[in-house]
N, C-alpha and C. Protein backbone atom coordinates (compact mmCIF):
# COMPACT_ATOMS: atom_id res chain seq x y z
N MET A 1 27.06 11.42 73.59
CA MET A 1 26.12 12.00 74.54
C MET A 1 25.95 11.03 75.71
N THR A 2 25.93 11.57 76.92
CA THR A 2 25.75 10.74 78.10
C THR A 2 24.26 10.53 78.35
N ALA A 3 23.94 9.44 79.01
CA ALA A 3 22.55 9.11 79.31
C ALA A 3 21.96 10.09 80.32
N LEU A 4 20.72 10.46 80.09
CA LEU A 4 20.01 11.33 81.03
C LEU A 4 19.45 10.51 82.20
N TYR A 5 19.02 9.28 81.88
CA TYR A 5 18.36 8.44 82.87
C TYR A 5 19.04 7.08 82.93
N ASP A 6 19.30 6.61 84.14
CA ASP A 6 19.93 5.31 84.32
C ASP A 6 18.97 4.16 84.06
N ASP A 7 17.68 4.42 84.19
CA ASP A 7 16.69 3.36 84.08
C ASP A 7 16.01 3.28 82.70
N THR A 8 16.54 4.00 81.72
CA THR A 8 15.95 4.03 80.39
C THR A 8 16.95 3.48 79.37
N HIS A 9 16.47 2.61 78.51
CA HIS A 9 17.34 2.04 77.47
C HIS A 9 17.83 3.19 76.59
N PRO A 10 19.11 3.18 76.22
CA PRO A 10 19.68 4.28 75.42
C PRO A 10 18.92 4.56 74.13
N LYS A 11 18.42 3.53 73.45
CA LYS A 11 17.68 3.77 72.21
C LYS A 11 16.36 4.49 72.48
N MET A 12 15.70 4.13 73.57
CA MET A 12 14.43 4.78 73.92
C MET A 12 14.67 6.22 74.36
N GLU A 13 15.77 6.42 75.06
CA GLU A 13 16.11 7.79 75.48
C GLU A 13 16.41 8.65 74.25
N ALA A 14 17.14 8.12 73.29
CA ALA A 14 17.44 8.87 72.06
C ALA A 14 16.15 9.21 71.32
N LEU A 15 15.21 8.27 71.28
CA LEU A 15 13.93 8.53 70.62
C LEU A 15 13.16 9.62 71.35
N GLN A 16 13.16 9.56 72.68
CA GLN A 16 12.47 10.58 73.46
C GLN A 16 13.06 11.96 73.20
N ILE A 17 14.37 12.06 73.18
CA ILE A 17 15.03 13.35 72.92
C ILE A 17 14.69 13.84 71.51
N GLN A 18 14.68 12.94 70.55
CA GLN A 18 14.32 13.31 69.18
C GLN A 18 12.90 13.86 69.13
N LEU A 19 11.97 13.21 69.83
CA LEU A 19 10.59 13.68 69.84
C LEU A 19 10.47 15.04 70.51
N TRP A 20 11.24 15.27 71.58
CA TRP A 20 11.23 16.58 72.23
C TRP A 20 11.73 17.65 71.27
N ARG A 21 12.77 17.34 70.53
CA ARG A 21 13.33 18.32 69.60
C ARG A 21 12.37 18.64 68.46
N GLN A 22 11.58 17.65 68.05
CA GLN A 22 10.64 17.84 66.95
C GLN A 22 9.35 18.51 67.39
N ALA A 23 9.09 18.54 68.67
CA ALA A 23 7.84 19.11 69.16
C ALA A 23 7.81 20.62 68.92
N SER A 24 6.63 21.11 68.60
CA SER A 24 6.46 22.55 68.41
C SER A 24 6.53 23.25 69.77
N PRO A 25 6.75 24.55 69.77
CA PRO A 25 6.75 25.28 71.04
C PRO A 25 5.43 25.10 71.81
N THR A 26 4.33 25.05 71.10
CA THR A 26 3.03 24.84 71.76
C THR A 26 2.98 23.47 72.41
N GLN A 27 3.46 22.45 71.72
CA GLN A 27 3.48 21.11 72.29
C GLN A 27 4.38 21.06 73.53
N LYS A 28 5.51 21.73 73.47
CA LYS A 28 6.42 21.75 74.62
C LYS A 28 5.77 22.46 75.81
N MET A 29 5.08 23.55 75.55
CA MET A 29 4.39 24.27 76.64
C MET A 29 3.28 23.40 77.23
N ASN A 30 2.58 22.66 76.39
CA ASN A 30 1.54 21.75 76.88
C ASN A 30 2.14 20.65 77.75
N MET A 31 3.30 20.12 77.35
CA MET A 31 3.97 19.10 78.15
C MET A 31 4.35 19.68 79.52
N LEU A 32 4.88 20.90 79.52
CA LEU A 32 5.26 21.53 80.78
C LEU A 32 4.05 21.78 81.66
N ALA A 33 2.95 22.21 81.06
CA ALA A 33 1.72 22.45 81.83
C ALA A 33 1.22 21.15 82.45
N GLN A 34 1.28 20.07 81.70
CA GLN A 34 0.86 18.77 82.24
C GLN A 34 1.76 18.32 83.38
N LEU A 35 3.06 18.51 83.22
CA LEU A 35 4.00 18.15 84.29
C LEU A 35 3.74 19.00 85.54
N ASN A 36 3.50 20.28 85.35
CA ASN A 36 3.21 21.17 86.46
C ASN A 36 1.95 20.73 87.19
N ALA A 37 0.91 20.40 86.44
CA ALA A 37 -0.33 19.94 87.05
C ALA A 37 -0.11 18.64 87.83
N SER A 38 0.69 17.76 87.28
CA SER A 38 0.98 16.49 87.97
C SER A 38 1.73 16.73 89.27
N VAL A 39 2.70 17.62 89.26
CA VAL A 39 3.46 17.94 90.46
C VAL A 39 2.54 18.53 91.53
N ARG A 40 1.66 19.42 91.13
CA ARG A 40 0.73 20.03 92.08
C ARG A 40 -0.20 18.98 92.67
N THR A 41 -0.69 18.07 91.84
CA THR A 41 -1.58 17.01 92.30
C THR A 41 -0.87 16.10 93.29
N LEU A 42 0.35 15.69 92.95
CA LEU A 42 1.12 14.83 93.85
C LEU A 42 1.42 15.54 95.17
N ALA A 43 1.80 16.80 95.11
CA ALA A 43 2.10 17.54 96.33
C ALA A 43 0.85 17.69 97.20
N LEU A 44 -0.28 18.00 96.59
CA LEU A 44 -1.52 18.15 97.34
C LEU A 44 -1.95 16.82 97.95
N THR A 45 -1.76 15.73 97.23
CA THR A 45 -2.07 14.40 97.76
C THR A 45 -1.21 14.11 98.99
N GLY A 46 0.06 14.44 98.90
CA GLY A 46 0.95 14.25 100.05
C GLY A 46 0.54 15.09 101.24
N LEU A 47 0.14 16.33 100.97
CA LEU A 47 -0.30 17.21 102.06
C LEU A 47 -1.58 16.68 102.71
N ARG A 48 -2.49 16.17 101.89
CA ARG A 48 -3.73 15.60 102.45
C ARG A 48 -3.42 14.42 103.36
N ALA A 49 -2.45 13.60 102.96
CA ALA A 49 -2.06 12.45 103.78
C ALA A 49 -1.39 12.90 105.07
N GLN A 50 -0.60 13.95 104.97
CA GLN A 50 0.14 14.45 106.13
C GLN A 50 -0.76 15.22 107.09
N TYR A 51 -1.77 15.91 106.55
CA TYR A 51 -2.67 16.73 107.36
C TYR A 51 -4.13 16.36 107.05
N PRO A 52 -4.57 15.20 107.50
CA PRO A 52 -5.92 14.73 107.14
C PRO A 52 -7.05 15.61 107.69
N GLN A 53 -6.79 16.38 108.72
CA GLN A 53 -7.82 17.23 109.31
C GLN A 53 -7.87 18.63 108.69
N ALA A 54 -6.95 18.93 107.81
CA ALA A 54 -6.87 20.28 107.23
C ALA A 54 -8.03 20.53 106.26
N THR A 55 -8.48 21.78 106.25
CA THR A 55 -9.51 22.18 105.30
C THR A 55 -8.88 22.37 103.93
N ALA A 56 -9.72 22.48 102.90
CA ALA A 56 -9.22 22.71 101.54
C ALA A 56 -8.41 24.01 101.49
N GLU A 57 -8.87 25.04 102.19
CA GLU A 57 -8.15 26.31 102.20
C GLU A 57 -6.78 26.18 102.86
N GLU A 58 -6.73 25.45 103.97
CA GLU A 58 -5.44 25.24 104.64
C GLU A 58 -4.48 24.44 103.76
N LEU A 59 -5.00 23.45 103.05
CA LEU A 59 -4.15 22.67 102.15
C LEU A 59 -3.63 23.52 101.01
N ARG A 60 -4.48 24.39 100.45
CA ARG A 60 -4.04 25.28 99.37
C ARG A 60 -2.93 26.20 99.86
N ARG A 61 -3.05 26.68 101.09
CA ARG A 61 -2.03 27.56 101.65
C ARG A 61 -0.72 26.82 101.87
N LYS A 62 -0.81 25.58 102.34
CA LYS A 62 0.40 24.77 102.52
C LYS A 62 1.06 24.46 101.17
N LEU A 63 0.24 24.22 100.16
CA LEU A 63 0.77 23.99 98.82
C LEU A 63 1.48 25.25 98.31
N ALA A 64 0.89 26.40 98.54
CA ALA A 64 1.52 27.66 98.14
C ALA A 64 2.88 27.81 98.80
N SER A 65 2.96 27.43 100.07
CA SER A 65 4.23 27.53 100.78
C SER A 65 5.28 26.61 100.16
N LEU A 66 4.85 25.41 99.76
CA LEU A 66 5.78 24.48 99.11
C LEU A 66 6.26 25.02 97.77
N LEU A 67 5.34 25.55 97.00
CA LEU A 67 5.66 25.98 95.63
C LEU A 67 6.37 27.33 95.57
N LEU A 68 5.99 28.23 96.46
CA LEU A 68 6.50 29.60 96.39
C LEU A 68 7.57 29.91 97.44
N GLY A 69 7.62 29.09 98.47
CA GLY A 69 8.45 29.41 99.62
C GLY A 69 7.60 30.18 100.62
N GLU A 70 7.92 30.05 101.89
CA GLU A 70 7.08 30.62 102.94
C GLU A 70 7.00 32.14 102.85
N GLU A 71 8.09 32.80 102.56
CA GLU A 71 8.09 34.27 102.54
C GLU A 71 7.13 34.81 101.48
N LEU A 72 7.24 34.32 100.26
CA LEU A 72 6.37 34.80 99.19
C LEU A 72 4.92 34.35 99.42
N ALA A 73 4.73 33.12 99.88
CA ALA A 73 3.37 32.64 100.15
C ALA A 73 2.70 33.50 101.21
N SER A 74 3.44 33.92 102.22
CA SER A 74 2.88 34.79 103.26
C SER A 74 2.49 36.14 102.69
N LYS A 75 3.30 36.68 101.81
CA LYS A 75 2.97 37.97 101.19
C LYS A 75 1.73 37.88 100.31
N VAL A 76 1.60 36.77 99.60
CA VAL A 76 0.49 36.61 98.66
C VAL A 76 -0.78 36.15 99.36
N TYR A 77 -0.67 35.18 100.26
CA TYR A 77 -1.85 34.54 100.85
C TYR A 77 -2.05 34.83 102.33
N GLY A 78 -1.13 35.56 102.95
CA GLY A 78 -1.23 35.81 104.37
C GLY A 78 -0.53 34.73 105.17
N GLU A 79 -0.48 34.93 106.45
CA GLU A 79 0.20 33.99 107.33
C GLU A 79 -0.50 32.64 107.32
N ALA A 80 0.28 31.58 107.43
CA ALA A 80 -0.25 30.23 107.43
C ALA A 80 -0.88 29.91 108.77
N THR A 81 -1.97 29.14 108.72
CA THR A 81 -2.53 28.60 109.95
C THR A 81 -1.84 27.29 110.23
N HIS A 82 -1.67 26.97 111.45
CA HIS A 82 -0.93 25.74 111.80
C HIS A 82 -1.92 24.62 112.05
N VAL A 83 -1.88 23.64 111.15
CA VAL A 83 -2.74 22.46 111.26
C VAL A 83 -1.85 21.25 111.44
N ASP A 84 -2.14 20.45 112.42
CA ASP A 84 -1.36 19.24 112.66
C ASP A 84 -2.24 18.02 112.58
């Protein structure tokens, strides 16, 4: 098996894969939910830094555009307001 990560010791990577395989479907879904929440938090933090004057609503709309793509975000949330 080839390494998944260049920065992880092969024994630790094997242990991680073993733990993933042993995890129940519920545990795997919880891990995915946590990863999803982390990605959203990081993206929103980046948007706040990029658009410090934006309102919470404007930031949520920009996040939707990142996550869904502009076309779907526009259909769901309406046209984006331009904040610089």
